[in-house]
Amino acid sequence: MLTTKELEKVNSWCAMNDPAHVLRVRGEEPVFFTSGLSGISPPVVSGAAVVGSGTQDALDLDQSFRGMLPPSGTPLSPERYNELLRIFMSNPATGCTTVMDMARIAAGFNPLSPELKDNQKAFDDYVGRIMSAPFFFLNDSSRTDYHRGEKNWNVAVNAIVNLYEGIETQSKEQIRKSLINMTEAATSRKNTRQTKSLFAQSTVNLEKEIQVYIYSSTISMEESKSKGGTSKQTDITIIKARLTFYKNLWPSYAQMVMNRHVKLVSDWLDANTTKPGTQPVNLTCFKRTA
């Protein structure tokens, strides 16, 4: 069980990240029960995935929850509220996606339109809110850098696109188009580094534990001219954070969360994938560059 001090931390975080309050401040209408790493620039493509043996059970409980929701505009009876709370308490996976969605809304990060103005700051804020949330334990974070030199930008573009395994064709084409734009900028502005974030992904792994992986990859390109000729340098950075959701403690604070917001797993997937309605991809590994 949580101590009084721990419950206060949970309540404080929920109040600070309450979507109803945040949206009212922005002049937007809040909707309840809706389907509705510093220095990283907004990604060209954003993705979400839920994997693991507990996925189907979580989706089934979500369907039960959705089925208990009253028609739009109908008051929520105490009996129905209690049944919704019972289902919500028994499904920590939805608890995890709900908390992450609260952080996203509070930060103002929009994964469906990654290149919106101020989305870079919002993405940094989103990740920071998750890492500081009392629902998670930060297991580790890492940064991996790859460096390569090419004589031809086309070779570099193809090599970089091939780093991403399992991404649908449309997303790869978005990455390719962005890279081509970068190479053109690098060629026209020699000795000036061009930087872009290519992909950000949140993966929720539902096994005995609930673990969250947040990935981001950033690319820099520079074309330099010297007496020895022209050189083309590509630098790739992959950032990963792994957190554990306090699954066993979820029933202790589920009601605090549900009273403010709910984001079912399937709805979280749609709201965090750049191309809504497509099957999310699990981008948990990158091929190493040659």
Protein backbone atom coordinates (compact mmCIF):
# COMPACT_ATOMS: atom_id res chain seq x y z
CA MET A 1 0.00 0.00 0.00
CA LEU A 2 1.04 3.58 -0.61
CA THR A 3 1.88 5.86 2.27
CA THR A 4 0.01 9.14 2.76
CA LYS A 5 3.03 11.03 1.41
CA GLU A 6 3.16 8.83 -1.71
CA LEU A 7 -0.56 9.30 -2.31
CA GLU A 8 -0.06 13.05 -2.02
CA LYS A 9 2.64 12.88 -4.72
CA VAL A 10 0.26 10.98 -7.01
CA ASN A 11 -2.56 13.43 -6.36
CA SER A 12 -0.25 16.40 -6.95
CA TRP A 13 1.00 14.99 -10.27
CA CYS A 14 -2.59 14.26 -11.40
CA ALA A 15 -3.69 17.79 -10.51
CA MET A 16 -0.75 19.35 -12.36
CA ASN A 17 -1.39 17.19 -15.45
CA ASP A 18 -5.20 17.23 -15.34
CA PRO A 19 -6.39 17.40 -18.99
CA ALA A 20 -9.62 19.20 -18.03
CA HIS A 21 -7.67 22.04 -16.41
CA VAL A 22 -5.04 22.18 -19.14
CA LEU A 23 -7.59 22.26 -21.97
CA ARG A 24 -9.72 24.90 -20.27
CA VAL A 25 -6.65 27.11 -19.89
CA ARG A 26 -6.04 26.69 -23.64
CA GLY A 27 -9.68 27.42 -24.40
CA GLU A 28 -10.42 23.89 -25.56
CA GLU A 29 -13.34 21.78 -24.44
CA PRO A 30 -12.30 18.89 -22.14
CA VAL A 31 -13.74 15.46 -22.93
CA PHE A 32 -13.84 12.67 -20.36
CA PHE A 33 -13.49 8.97 -21.18
CA THR A 34 -12.48 10.00 -24.66
CA SER A 35 -11.03 8.03 -27.43
CA GLY A 36 -10.03 11.24 -27.65
CA LEU A 37 15.29 13.59 -23.24
CA SER A 38 16.15 17.08 -23.61
CA GLY A 39 17.12 18.91 -26.75
CA ILE A 40 15.31 16.60 -29.19
CA SER A 41 13.64 18.28 -32.15
CA PRO A 42 10.14 17.17 -33.23
CA PRO A 43 10.23 13.91 -35.22
CA VAL A 44 9.29 13.40 -38.83
CA VAL A 45 7.43 10.26 -37.81
CA SER A 46 5.97 9.39 -34.42
CA GLY A 47 4.84 5.88 -33.49
CA ALA A 48 3.36 3.89 -30.64
CA ALA A 49 3.17 0.16 -29.97
CA VAL A 50 1.87 -2.22 -27.35
CA VAL A 51 3.50 -5.65 -27.25
CA GLY A 52 3.72 -8.65 -24.94
CA SER A 53 1.61 -11.54 -23.72
CA GLY A 54 -0.75 -9.30 -21.74
CA THR A 55 -1.86 -7.25 -24.74
CA GLN A 56 -5.06 -9.15 -25.55
CA ASP A 57 -6.22 -9.18 -21.92
CA ALA A 58 -5.72 -5.41 -21.74
CA LEU A 59 -7.68 -4.87 -24.96
CA ASP A 60 -10.49 -7.14 -23.73
CA LEU A 61 -10.78 -5.19 -20.47
CA ASP A 62 -10.81 -1.97 -22.49
CA GLN A 63 -13.73 -3.28 -24.51
CA SER A 64 -15.59 -4.06 -21.28
CA PHE A 65 -14.87 -0.53 -20.06
CA ARG A 66 -16.04 1.02 -23.34
CA GLY A 67 -19.20 -1.07 -23.22
CA MET A 68 -20.07 0.31 -19.78
CA LEU A 69 -19.83 3.96 -20.84
CA PRO A 70 -23.22 5.72 -20.88
CA PRO A 71 -24.53 7.33 -24.08
CA SER A 72 -23.17 10.79 -24.77
CA GLY A 73 -24.84 13.39 -22.56
CA THR A 74 -26.22 10.80 -20.13
CA PRO A 75 -25.25 11.23 -16.46
CA LEU A 76 -23.02 8.54 -15.01
CA SER A 77 -24.92 6.63 -12.32
CA PRO A 78 -23.10 5.57 -9.12
CA GLU A 79 -23.56 1.90 -10.05
CA ARG A 80 -22.04 2.37 -13.48
CA TYR A 81 -19.22 4.52 -12.07
CA ASN A 82 -18.33 1.77 -9.59
CA GLU A 83 -18.28 -0.85 -12.36
CA LEU A 84 -16.09 1.36 -14.55
CA LEU A 85 -13.73 1.88 -11.61
CA ARG A 86 -13.58 -1.86 -10.96
CA ILE A 87 -12.54 -2.52 -14.58
CA PHE A 88 -10.08 0.38 -14.58
CA MET A 89 -8.45 -0.82 -11.38
CA SER A 90 -8.02 -4.30 -12.82
CA ASN A 91 -6.28 -3.05 -15.97
CA PRO A 92 -2.92 -1.40 -15.16
CA ALA A 93 -2.09 -1.34 -18.89
CA THR A 94 -4.80 1.26 -19.43
CA GLY A 95 -3.55 3.00 -16.31
CA CYS A 96 -0.14 3.28 -17.96
CA THR A 97 -1.46 4.64 -21.28
CA THR A 98 -3.77 7.02 -19.41
CA VAL A 99 -0.93 8.52 -17.37
CA MET A 100 1.21 8.85 -20.51
CA ASP A 101 -1.67 10.56 -22.30
CA MET A 102 -2.12 12.99 -19.40
CA ALA A 103 1.56 13.90 -19.73
CA ARG A 104 1.19 14.34 -23.50
CA ILE A 105 -1.86 16.62 -23.21
CA ALA A 106 -0.33 18.68 -20.41
CA ALA A 107 2.86 19.14 -22.45
CA GLY A 108 0.93 20.01 -25.61
CA PHE A 109 2.82 17.45 -27.70
CA ASN A 110 1.01 16.50 -30.93
CA PRO A 111 2.37 13.22 -32.40
CA LEU A 112 -0.06 13.34 -35.34
CA SER A 113 1.49 16.59 -36.64
CA PRO A 114 5.12 16.33 -35.47
CA GLU A 115 6.38 19.48 -37.21
CA LEU A 116 3.93 21.91 -35.63
CA LYS A 117 5.46 25.07 -34.19
CA ASP A 118 6.74 24.57 -30.61
CA ASN A 119 6.33 20.78 -30.84
CA GLN A 120 10.04 20.33 -30.04
CA LYS A 121 9.64 21.97 -26.65
CA ALA A 122 6.39 20.06 -26.08
CA PHE A 123 8.05 16.71 -26.85
CA ASP A 124 10.85 17.40 -24.37
CA ASP A 125 8.23 18.40 -21.78
CA TYR A 126 6.19 15.25 -22.47
CA VAL A 127 9.14 12.94 -21.85
CA GLY A 128 10.13 14.90 -18.75
CA ARG A 129 6.63 14.63 -17.27
CA ILE A 130 6.63 10.85 -17.75
CA MET A 131 10.06 10.48 -16.19
CA SER A 132 9.02 12.54 -13.16
CA ALA A 133 5.65 10.82 -12.71
CA PRO A 134 5.31 8.83 -9.44
CA PHE A 135 3.79 5.96 -11.44
CA PHE A 136 7.13 5.02 -13.03
CA PHE A 137 10.61 3.91 -12.06
CA LEU A 138 13.37 4.93 -14.48
CA ASN A 139 15.42 1.77 -15.09
CA ASP A 140 17.95 3.22 -17.49
CA SER A 141 18.54 5.58 -20.35
CA SER A 142 21.15 5.41 -23.07
CA ARG A 143 22.51 7.26 -26.05
CA THR A 144 24.20 5.63 -29.02
CA ASP A 145 26.05 7.56 -31.72
CA TYR A 146 26.82 6.33 -35.22
CA HIS A 147 29.15 8.21 -37.56
CA ARG A 148 29.71 7.63 -41.26
CA GLY A 149 31.25 9.46 -44.20
CA GLU A 150 29.99 9.16 -47.78
CA LYS A 151 31.05 10.41 -51.18
CA ASN A 152 27.45 10.42 -52.38
CA TRP A 153 24.41 11.66 -50.43
CA ASN A 154 22.14 9.09 -52.13
CA VAL A 155 24.21 6.29 -50.55
CA ALA A 156 23.86 7.94 -47.14
CA VAL A 157 20.09 8.39 -47.51
CA ASN A 158 19.54 4.74 -48.45
CA ALA A 159 21.76 3.54 -45.60
CA ILE A 160 19.93 5.68 -43.04
CA VAL A 161 16.46 4.66 -44.19
CA ASN A 162 17.53 1.01 -43.90
CA LEU A 163 18.37 1.53 -40.21
CA TYR A 164 14.67 1.39 -39.41
CA GLU A 165 13.31 -2.12 -39.45
CA GLY A 166 9.59 -2.86 -39.52
CA ILE A 167 8.40 0.63 -40.47
CA GLU A 168 5.58 0.85 -42.99
CA THR A 169 6.40 2.18 -46.46
CA GLN A 170 4.67 5.53 -46.00
CA SER A 171 6.63 6.32 -42.85
CA LYS A 172 9.90 5.36 -44.56
CA GLU A 173 9.04 7.70 -47.41
CA GLN A 174 8.45 10.53 -44.93
CA ILE A 175 11.90 9.88 -43.49
CA ARG A 176 13.47 9.64 -46.97
CA LYS A 177 11.88 12.93 -48.08
CA SER A 178 13.14 14.70 -44.98
CA LEU A 179 16.65 13.32 -45.52
CA ILE A 180 16.69 14.46 -49.15
CA ASN A 181 15.69 17.95 -48.04
CA MET A 182 18.55 17.88 -45.55
CA THR A 183 21.09 16.82 -48.17
CA GLU A 184 19.95 19.64 -50.45
CA ALA A 185 20.35 22.12 -47.59
CA ALA A 186 23.76 20.70 -46.72
CA THR A 187 24.92 21.01 -50.34
CA SER A 188 23.70 24.59 -50.70
CA ARG A 189 25.07 25.65 -47.29
CA LYS A 190 28.48 24.01 -47.07
CA ASN A 191 30.21 23.74 -43.68
CA THR A 192 26.84 24.23 -41.97
CA ARG A 193 25.39 21.33 -39.99
CA GLN A 194 21.80 20.32 -40.73
CA THR A 195 19.98 18.48 -37.92
CA LYS A 196 16.62 16.69 -37.81
CA SER A 197 14.82 14.26 -35.55
CA LEU A 198 13.59 11.35 -37.67
CA PHE A 199 11.63 9.04 -35.45
CA ALA A 200 10.15 8.99 -31.94
CA GLN A 201 8.41 5.95 -30.51
CA SER A 202 6.79 4.88 -27.28
CA THR A 203 6.46 1.13 -26.74
CA VAL A 204 4.52 -0.40 -23.84
CA ASN A 205 5.56 -3.99 -23.10
CA LEU A 206 2.92 -5.98 -21.18
CA GLU A 207 4.53 -9.01 -19.60
CA LYS A 208 4.82 -9.85 -15.88
CA GLU A 209 5.90 -6.23 -15.52
CA ILE A 210 4.75 -3.24 -17.55
CA GLN A 211 7.73 -1.56 -19.13
CA VAL A 212 7.76 1.57 -21.25
CA TYR A 213 10.46 2.24 -23.83
CA ILE A 214 10.82 5.70 -25.34
CA TYR A 215 13.04 5.93 -28.41
CA SER A 216 14.16 8.88 -30.46
CA SER A 217 16.63 9.18 -33.31
CA THR A 218 18.29 12.35 -34.54
CA ILE A 219 20.35 12.85 -37.70
CA SER A 220 22.94 15.51 -38.57
CA MET A 221 24.45 16.07 -42.02
CA GLU A 222 27.22 18.36 -43.14
CA GLU A 223 28.97 18.85 -46.48
CA SER A 224 32.44 20.34 -46.12
CA LYS A 225 34.68 21.75 -48.81
CA SER A 226 38.44 21.88 -48.40
CA LYS A 227 41.60 21.71 -50.49
CA GLY A 228 41.31 17.92 -50.40
CA GLY A 229 37.84 18.00 -51.96
CA THR A 230 34.30 17.70 -50.68
CA SER A 231 33.37 15.43 -47.79
CA LYS A 232 29.90 14.37 -46.64
CA GLN A 233 29.51 13.52 -42.95
CA THR A 234 26.47 11.89 -41.35
CA ASP A 235 25.97 11.54 -37.58
CA ILE A 236 23.09 9.52 -36.13
CA THR A 237 22.06 9.57 -32.47
CA ILE A 238 19.63 7.06 -30.97
CA ILE A 239 18.26 7.80 -27.50
CA LYS A 240 16.38 5.23 -25.42
CA ALA A 241 14.77 5.37 -21.98
CA ARG A 242 13.27 2.35 -20.19
CA LEU A 243 10.79 2.78 -17.35
CA THR A 244 8.76 0.34 -15.24
CA PHE A 245 5.14 1.15 -14.40
CA TYR A 246 4.26 0.35 -10.77
CA LYS A 247 1.73 -2.32 -11.71
CA ASN A 248 1.14 -3.73 -8.22
CA LEU A 249 0.40 -0.28 -6.81
CA TRP A 250 -2.08 0.65 -9.54
CA PRO A 251 -5.28 -0.21 -7.55
CA SER A 252 -4.16 2.22 -4.83
CA TYR A 253 -4.35 5.28 -7.07
CA ALA A 254 -6.54 4.19 -9.99
CA GLN A 255 -9.52 6.20 -8.75
CA MET A 256 -7.44 9.40 -8.50
CA VAL A 257 -6.50 8.98 -12.15
CA MET A 258 -9.92 7.90 -13.46
CA ASN A 259 -11.60 10.90 -11.86
CA ARG A 260 -9.50 13.09 -14.15
CA HIS A 261 -8.85 11.13 -17.35
CA VAL A 262 -9.01 7.77 -19.13
CA LYS A 263 -7.17 6.73 -22.30
CA LEU A 264 -7.86 3.20 -23.45
CA VAL A 265 -4.94 1.28 -24.96
CA SER A 266 -6.26 1.19 -28.55
CA ASP A 267 -7.10 4.90 -28.42
CA TRP A 268 -3.62 5.69 -27.10
CA LEU A 269 -2.11 3.84 -30.06
CA ASP A 270 -4.13 5.88 -32.55
CA ALA A 271 -3.38 9.18 -30.79
CA ASN A 272 0.39 8.61 -30.81
CA THR A 273 1.00 7.33 -34.34
CA THR A 274 1.62 9.90 -37.08
CA LYS A 275 -0.65 8.12 -39.53
CA PRO A 276 -3.84 7.48 -37.52
CA GLY A 277 -5.70 4.23 -37.97
CA THR A 278 -2.74 2.16 -39.18
CA GLN A 279 -1.23 -0.79 -37.38
CA PRO A 280 1.52 0.63 -35.12
CA VAL A 281 5.01 -0.74 -35.57
CA ASN A 282 7.40 -1.91 -32.88
CA LEU A 283 10.62 -0.08 -33.61
CA THR A 284 12.67 -1.46 -30.74
CA CYS A 285 15.86 -2.22 -32.62
CA PHE A 286 18.01 -0.49 -35.17
CA LYS A 287 20.42 -2.07 -37.58
CA ARG A 288 23.97 -0.93 -36.97
CA THR A 289 25.54 1.08 -39.74
CA ALA A 290 28.43 -0.46 -41.61
